């Protein structure tokens, strides 16, 4: 059995996907020889010559004897479903869901897997994801979006009070701003950009919910994993670079941007409806859905 299956979903990110793969190749070659890997790329019907790039990279990988599998979808099936497709092909004990725009450098996967093997109560692990400006990707270090946390975030209270000791525990729950980013600790959810999970647990919990086309599927999976009593760990000893928004909200294509925004706000509705709505009064639910729609419309208006 393979130790680690690395699953990458691509969609019109040819250049960054190529950089991601070639960096992974170099990183894997530095690992403990007893640790075995495979890489699985699922392409969601890219129109930017990704298929030709993958064929070229496949030849490079053959020379290194690192397994690189590819699956080319005939249409865009969404992030959640494509990752599930990759997981179905995976032979690893562990699965790493890795965004195509993540650049993995000097990371010791062997050490990380040893940590997981020695801590069976840990279901998921992520490393620190840095943006190009050196700051942490906020989506990689999340609390679950309860009504209070979401209110504090979207109305600016987390920004105002999130770094003030003691009261940051009240106002900073959306991004867990009261924690020390330099130390290993438990979080509610990482981003799907670097999401390491035991394959058995991924199967047990029911995989990614394909109701989420993109966005929200990582939070939903983490929520279900926490319900099983498993811990989710932020492990900042290692860092990767997240280029972010390469095929979504900052796409140069207006249609892609519009569709991405729709998926973003739809994910909010789906997550709330699935995990919170049944516990809240009807008038609260109506208010939440109204505010989500209000934010979506404001986003569209500001863009125009």
Foldseek 3Di string as FASTA:
>chain_A
DAAEEEEEEDAQPQVLLLQQVVQVLVQVVPEDPVHAYAYEYEYAQHPNCNVVSVVVVVVVCVVVVHHYHYHYDNHGLFDQVSVVVSLVVDPHQKYKQAYSQKHFHNDHVVVVSVVCVVCVLAFKEDEFEAEPVRHTDLQFAAAQDDPQQVCLVVVVVCVVCCQPPPCVVRRVHGSPSNDDNQDKDFGQFGDSNTIMGGSVVCVVLPGFDSVQRDPQSRNVSSVSSVVVSGTYMYHHPGYMYGHPPDQACPDPDPVRNLVRLVSHLVSVLVVCVVPPPVVDDPVVNVVVNVVSVVVSVVVVVVVD
